[in-house]
């Protein structure tokens, strides 16, 4: 494979980012909205304390 080869996908992405200069900013905003969240340690401890152990066969009624 040649060292200067670029796939069609890579070429498309480079062209798209050049034409839409705000793409990276929008990606960062989306990540912040979905993933970069503050986790409250006290609330997490409450979730752990309230956890109910799961039975080996979850569909068993008794």
PDB file of N, CA and C in Angstrom:
ATOM      1  N   UNK A   1       0.849  -1.181   0.000  1.00  0.00           N
ATOM      2  CA  UNK A   1       0.000   0.000   0.000  1.00  0.00           C
ATOM      3  C   UNK A   1       0.893   1.243   0.000  1.00  0.00           C
ATOM      4  N   UNK A   2       0.522   2.216  -0.785  1.00  0.00           N
ATOM      5  CA  UNK A   2       1.305   3.448  -0.862  1.00  0.00           C
ATOM      6  C   UNK A   2       1.158   4.254   0.420  1.00  0.00           C
ATOM      7  N   UNK A   3       2.197   4.978   0.781  1.00  0.00           N
ATOM      8  CA  UNK A   3       2.173   5.747   2.022  1.00  0.00           C
ATOM      9  C   UNK A   3       1.258   6.967   1.931  1.00  0.00           C
ATOM     10  N   UNK A   4       1.031   7.470   0.730  1.00  0.00           N
ATOM     11  CA  UNK A   4       0.211   8.664   0.585  1.00  0.00           C
ATOM     12  C   UNK A   4      -1.236   8.338   0.201  1.00  0.00           C
ATOM     13  N   UNK A   5      -1.635   7.093   0.323  1.00  0.00           N
ATOM     14  CA  UNK A   5      -3.002   6.688  -0.023  1.00  0.00           C
ATOM     15  C   UNK A   5      -3.988   7.198   1.026  1.00  0.00           C
ATOM     16  N   UNK A   6      -5.105   7.731   0.548  1.00  0.00           N
ATOM     17  CA  UNK A   6      -6.205   8.131   1.422  1.00  0.00           C
ATOM     18  C   UNK A   6      -7.478   7.492   0.888  1.00  0.00           C
ATOM     19  N   UNK A   7      -8.209   6.844   1.760  1.00  0.00           N
ATOM     20  CA  UNK A   7      -9.458   6.227   1.335  1.00  0.00           C
ATOM     21  C   UNK A   7     -10.477   7.287   0.964  1.00  0.00           C
ATOM     22  N   UNK A   8     -11.532   6.858   0.283  1.00  0.00           N
ATOM     23  CA  UNK A   8     -12.594   7.776  -0.103  1.00  0.00           C
ATOM     24  C   UNK A   8     -13.278   8.370   1.128  1.00  0.00           C
ATOM     25  N   UNK A   9     -13.374   7.567   2.176  1.00  0.00           N
ATOM     26  CA  UNK A   9     -14.005   8.044   3.408  1.00  0.00           C
ATOM     27  C   UNK A   9     -13.166   9.160   4.027  1.00  0.00           C
ATOM     28  N   UNK A  10     -11.860   8.969   4.099  1.00  0.00           N
ATOM     29  CA  UNK A  10     -10.973   9.991   4.653  1.00  0.00           C
ATOM     30  C   UNK A  10     -11.032  11.264   3.824  1.00  0.00           C
ATOM     31  N   UNK A  11     -11.050  11.117   2.518  1.00  0.00           N
ATOM     32  CA  UNK A  11     -11.152  12.282   1.643  1.00  0.00           C
ATOM     33  C   UNK A  11     -12.472  13.014   1.875  1.00  0.00           C
ATOM     34  N   UNK A  12     -13.556  12.250   2.006  1.00  0.00           N
ATOM     35  CA  UNK A  12     -14.864  12.859   2.241  1.00  0.00           C
ATOM     36  C   UNK A  12     -14.871  13.623   3.558  1.00  0.00           C
ATOM     37  N   UNK A  13     -14.330  13.008   4.620  1.00  0.00           N
ATOM     38  CA  UNK A  13     -14.325  13.661   5.930  1.00  0.00           C
ATOM     39  C   UNK A  13     -13.493  14.941   5.919  1.00  0.00           C
ATOM     40  N   UNK A  14     -12.349  14.907   5.283  1.00  0.00           N
ATOM     41  CA  UNK A  14     -11.518  16.111   5.205  1.00  0.00           C
ATOM     42  C   UNK A  14     -12.245  17.222   4.447  1.00  0.00           C
ATOM     43  N   UNK A  15     -12.884  16.859   3.335  1.00  0.00           N
ATOM     44  CA  UNK A  15     -13.630  17.844   2.543  1.00  0.00           C
ATOM     45  C   UNK A  15     -14.806  18.396   3.355  1.00  0.00           C
ATOM     46  N   UNK A  16     -15.513  17.494   4.048  1.00  0.00           N
ATOM     47  CA  UNK A  16     -16.675  17.915   4.847  1.00  0.00           C
ATOM     48  C   UNK A  16     -16.253  18.880   5.955  1.00  0.00           C
ATOM     49  N   UNK A  17     -15.165  18.554   6.656  1.00  0.00           N
ATOM     50  CA  UNK A  17     -14.694  19.426   7.742  1.00  0.00           C
ATOM     51  C   UNK A  17     -14.205  20.766   7.212  1.00  0.00           C
ATOM     52  N   UNK A  18     -13.660  20.774   6.003  1.00  0.00           N
ATOM     53  CA  UNK A  18     -13.216  22.029   5.410  1.00  0.00           C
ATOM     54  C   UNK A  18     -14.427  22.907   5.051  1.00  0.00           C
ATOM     55  N   UNK A  19     -15.481  22.274   4.541  1.00  0.00           N
ATOM     56  CA  UNK A  19     -16.679  23.021   4.148  1.00  0.00           C
ATOM     57  C   UNK A  19     -17.541  23.414   5.348  1.00  0.00           C
ATOM     58  N   UNK A  20     -17.500  22.630   6.391  1.00  0.00           N
ATOM     59  CA  UNK A  20     -18.300  22.876   7.598  1.00  0.00           C
ATOM     60  C   UNK A  20     -17.344  23.049   8.775  1.00  0.00           C
ATOM     61  N   UNK A  21     -16.842  24.255   8.939  1.00  0.00           N
ATOM     62  CA  UNK A  21     -15.790  24.500   9.923  1.00  0.00           C
ATOM     63  C   UNK A  21     -16.264  24.353  11.367  1.00  0.00           C
ATOM     64  N   UNK A  22     -17.568  24.366  11.614  1.00  0.00           N
ATOM     65  CA  UNK A  22     -18.070  24.249  12.987  1.00  0.00           C
ATOM     66  C   UNK A  22     -18.326  22.802  13.416  1.00  0.00           C
ATOM     67  N   UNK A  23     -17.946  21.842  12.588  1.00  0.00           N
ATOM     68  CA  UNK A  23     -18.212  20.431  12.885  1.00  0.00           C
ATOM     69  C   UNK A  23     -17.587  19.997  14.204  1.00  0.00           C
ATOM     70  N   UNK A  24     -16.331  20.315  14.402  1.00  0.00           N
ATOM     71  CA  UNK A  24     -15.630  19.887  15.618  1.00  0.00           C
ATOM     72  C   UNK A  24     -16.254  20.509  16.867  1.00  0.00           C
ATOM     73  N   UNK A  25     -16.643  21.761  16.773  1.00  0.00           N
ATOM     74  CA  UNK A  25     -17.301  22.429  17.898  1.00  0.00           C
ATOM     75  C   UNK A  25     -18.622  21.734  18.232  1.00  0.00           C
ATOM     76  N   UNK A  26     -19.406  21.403  17.213  1.00  0.00           N
ATOM     77  CA  UNK A  26     -20.682  20.717  17.449  1.00  0.00           C
ATOM     78  C   UNK A  26     -20.466  19.314  18.027  1.00  0.00           C
ATOM     79  N   UNK A  27     -19.399  18.643  17.602  1.00  0.00           N
ATOM     80  CA  UNK A  27     -19.080  17.330  18.163  1.00  0.00           C
ATOM     81  C   UNK A  27     -18.755  17.446  19.654  1.00  0.00           C
ATOM     82  N   UNK A  28     -17.983  18.446  20.015  1.00  0.00           N
ATOM     83  CA  UNK A  28     -17.633  18.650  21.424  1.00  0.00           C
ATOM     84  C   UNK A  28     -18.864  18.995  22.261  1.00  0.00           C
ATOM     85  N   UNK A  29     -19.760  19.818  21.710  1.00  0.00           N
ATOM     86  CA  UNK A  29     -20.989  20.157  22.428  1.00  0.00           C
ATOM     87  C   UNK A  29     -21.853  18.919  22.633  1.00  0.00           C
ATOM     88  N   UNK A  30     -21.941  18.079  21.622  1.00  0.00           N
ATOM     89  CA  UNK A  30     -22.715  16.842  21.741  1.00  0.00           C
ATOM     90  C   UNK A  30     -22.132  15.913  22.779  1.00  0.00           C
ATOM     91  N   UNK A  31     -20.823  15.797  22.801  1.00  0.00           N
ATOM     92  CA  UNK A  31     -20.174  14.954  23.800  1.00  0.00           C
ATOM     93  C   UNK A  31     -20.443  15.485  25.201  1.00  0.00           C
ATOM     94  N   UNK A  32     -20.329  16.791  25.378  1.00  0.00           N
ATOM     95  CA  UNK A  32     -20.553  17.396  26.694  1.00  0.00           C
ATOM     96  C   UNK A  32     -21.994  17.165  27.143  1.00  0.00           C
ATOM     97  N   UNK A  33     -22.934  17.216  26.210  1.00  0.00           N
ATOM     98  CA  UNK A  33     -24.339  17.037  26.549  1.00  0.00           C
ATOM     99  C   UNK A  33     -24.627  15.597  26.986  1.00  0.00           C
ATOM    100  N   UNK A  34     -23.955  14.640  26.360  1.00  0.00           N
ATOM    101  CA  UNK A  34     -24.277  13.242  26.627  1.00  0.00           C
ATOM    102  C   UNK A  34     -23.355  12.554  27.626  1.00  0.00           C
ATOM    103  N   UNK A  35     -22.074  12.901  27.648  1.00  0.00           N
ATOM    104  CA  UNK A  35     -21.117  12.102  28.408  1.00  0.00           C
ATOM    105  C   UNK A  35     -20.418  12.831  29.538  1.00  0.00           C
ATOM    106  N   UNK A  36     -20.072  14.060  29.362  1.00  0.00           N
ATOM    107  CA  UNK A  36     -19.269  14.771  30.358  1.00  0.00           C
ATOM    108  C   UNK A  36     -20.167  15.324  31.463  1.00  0.00           C
ATOM    109  N   UNK A  37     -20.553  14.453  32.373  1.00  0.00           N
ATOM    110  CA  UNK A  37     -21.470  14.824  33.449  1.00  0.00           C
ATOM    111  C   UNK A  37     -20.763  14.734  34.799  1.00  0.00           C
ATOM    112  N   UNK A  38     -21.171  15.608  35.719  1.00  0.00           N
ATOM    113  CA  UNK A  38     -20.666  15.557  37.085  1.00  0.00           C
ATOM    114  C   UNK A  38     -21.418  14.456  37.835  1.00  0.00           C
ATOM    115  N   UNK A  39     -20.700  13.590  38.516  1.00  0.00           N
ATOM    116  CA  UNK A  39     -21.313  12.508  39.278  1.00  0.00           C
ATOM    117  C   UNK A  39     -21.250  12.857  40.754  1.00  0.00           C
ATOM    118  N   UNK A  40     -22.415  12.864  41.398  1.00  0.00           N
ATOM    119  CA  UNK A  40     -22.521  13.188  42.815  1.00  0.00           C
ATOM    120  C   UNK A  40     -22.192  11.934  43.633  1.00  0.00           C
ATOM    121  N   UNK A  41     -21.107  11.923  44.404  1.00  0.00           N
ATOM    122  CA  UNK A  41     -20.713  10.727  45.155  1.00  0.00           C
ATOM    123  C   UNK A  41     -21.761  10.285  46.177  1.00  0.00           C
ATOM    124  N   UNK A  42     -22.438  11.229  46.820  1.00  0.00           N
ATOM    125  CA  UNK A  42     -23.455  10.863  47.807  1.00  0.00           C
ATOM    126  C   UNK A  42     -24.633  10.156  47.138  1.00  0.00           C
ATOM    127  N   UNK A  43     -25.035  10.645  45.995  1.00  0.00           N
ATOM    128  CA  UNK A  43     -26.141  10.024  45.279  1.00  0.00           C
ATOM    129  C   UNK A  43     -25.738   8.627  44.795  1.00  0.00           C
ATOM    130  N   UNK A  44     -24.510   8.480  44.316  1.00  0.00           N
ATOM    131  CA  UNK A  44     -24.019   7.175  43.878  1.00  0.00           C
ATOM    132  C   UNK A  44     -24.027   6.178  45.037  1.00  0.00           C
ATOM    133  N   UNK A  45     -23.632   6.630  46.222  1.00  0.00           N
ATOM    134  CA  UNK A  45     -23.628   5.759  47.394  1.00  0.00           C
ATOM    135  C   UNK A  45     -25.046   5.318  47.727  1.00  0.00           C
ATOM    136  N   UNK A  46     -26.016   6.219  47.590  1.00  0.00           N
ATOM    137  CA  UNK A  46     -27.412   5.868  47.811  1.00  0.00           C
ATOM    138  C   UNK A  46     -27.898   4.821  46.823  1.00  0.00           C
ATOM    139  N   UNK A  47     -27.475   4.931  45.565  1.00  0.00           N
ATOM    140  CA  UNK A  47     -27.840   3.939  44.557  1.00  0.00           C
ATOM    141  C   UNK A  47     -27.254   2.574  44.913  1.00  0.00           C
ATOM    142  N   UNK A  48     -26.001   2.575  45.352  1.00  0.00           N
ATOM    143  CA  UNK A  48     -25.364   1.301  45.723  1.00  0.00           C
ATOM    144  C   UNK A  48     -26.053   0.675  46.936  1.00  0.00           C
ATOM    145  N   UNK A  49     -26.435   1.498  47.914  1.00  0.00           N
ATOM    146  CA  UNK A  49     -27.086   0.983  49.123  1.00  0.00           C
ATOM    147  C   UNK A  49     -28.474   0.427  48.807  1.00  0.00           C
ATOM    148  N   UNK A  50     -29.150   0.990  47.831  1.00  0.00           N
ATOM    149  CA  UNK A  50     -30.498   0.549  47.501  1.00  0.00           C
ATOM    150  C   UNK A  50     -30.552  -0.584  46.489  1.00  0.00           C
ATOM    151  N   UNK A  51     -29.409  -1.091  46.072  1.00  0.00           N
ATOM    152  CA  UNK A  51     -29.365  -2.148  45.070  1.00  0.00           C
ATOM    153  C   UNK A  51     -29.899  -3.465  45.645  1.00  0.00           C
ATOM    154  N   UNK A  52     -30.749  -4.124  44.885  1.00  0.00           N
ATOM    155  CA  UNK A  52     -31.340  -5.398  45.300  1.00  0.00           C
ATOM    156  C   UNK A  52     -30.621  -6.506  44.535  1.00  0.00           C
ATOM    157  N   UNK A  53     -30.170  -7.557  45.241  1.00  0.00           N
ATOM    158  CA  UNK A  53     -29.469  -8.630  44.532  1.00  0.00           C
ATOM    159  C   UNK A  53     -30.406  -9.345  43.547  1.00  0.00           C
ATOM    160  N   UNK A  54     -29.879  -9.701  42.405  1.00  0.00           N
ATOM    161  CA  UNK A  54     -30.666 -10.355  41.373  1.00  0.00           C
ATOM    162  C   UNK A  54     -30.631 -11.863  41.574  1.00  0.00           C
ATOM    163  N   UNK A  55     -31.785 -12.505  41.395  1.00  0.00           N
ATOM    164  CA  UNK A  55     -31.862 -13.962  41.509  1.00  0.00           C
ATOM    165  C   UNK A  55     -31.206 -14.600  40.284  1.00  0.00           C
ATOM    166  N   UNK A  56     -30.746 -15.847  40.429  1.00  0.00           N
ATOM    167  CA  UNK A  56     -30.078 -16.503  39.308  1.00  0.00           C
ATOM    168  C   UNK A  56     -30.981 -16.628  38.074  1.00  0.00           C
ATOM    169  N   UNK A  57     -32.261 -16.896  38.290  1.00  0.00           N
ATOM    170  CA  UNK A  57     -33.184 -16.988  37.172  1.00  0.00           C
ATOM    171  C   UNK A  57     -34.206 -15.881  37.340  1.00  0.00           C
ATOM    172  N   UNK A  58     -34.072 -14.828  36.556  1.00  0.00           N
ATOM    173  CA  UNK A  58     -34.850 -13.617  36.794  1.00  0.00           C
ATOM    174  C   UNK A  58     -36.342 -13.771  36.501  1.00  0.00           C
ATOM    175  N   UNK A  59     -36.735 -14.756  35.702  1.00  0.00           N
ATOM    176  CA  UNK A  59     -38.144 -14.913  35.337  1.00  0.00           C
ATOM    177  C   UNK A  59     -38.910 -15.810  36.307  1.00  0.00           C
ATOM    178  N   UNK A  60     -38.223 -16.363  37.299  1.00  0.00           N
ATOM    179  CA  UNK A  60     -38.878 -17.199  38.283  1.00  0.00           C
ATOM    180  C   UNK A  60     -39.745 -16.332  39.195  1.00  0.00           C
ATOM    181  N   UNK A  61     -40.992 -16.730  39.435  1.00  0.00           N
ATOM    182  CA  UNK A  61     -41.932 -15.892  40.174  1.00  0.00           C
ATOM    183  C   UNK A  61     -41.836 -16.054  41.676  1.00  0.00           C
ATOM    184  N   UNK A  62     -41.326 -17.142  42.199  1.00  0.00           N
ATOM    185  CA  UNK A  62     -41.286 -17.312  43.657  1.00  0.00           C
ATOM    186  C   UNK A  62     -39.890 -17.250  44.203  1.00  0.00           C
TER     187      UNK A  62
END
